[in-house]
């Protein structure tokens, strides 16, 4: 368990650094117990980030966690990556269309 927790924390720091490359002041959320409902990474306005750095991921479980923990007005998103692969972002289609629609 300790190893997976350390890998998760490392993944959150990695994602925060990656988002900083895009100009966002991101950092790990304040997670002391792992179950307090804070986003894994904070600093991306309007997005509740659930960060998963695992080889096998149940996206629906991860999205359920993001939905449960997102505060009102935040869009739940799962940022995920496995070894030797790029970061991917999963959103619900309705949320994606709201974001995409704002661009038109």
Foldseek 3Di string as FASTA:
>chain_A
DVVQVVVLLVQLQVVCVVVVVVVWNKDADDDDPVPPLQARMDGDPQARENEEEEPDDDVVVSQVSQVVSDDPSHFYKYWYDYPPDDIDIDGDPVVVCVVVVVVD
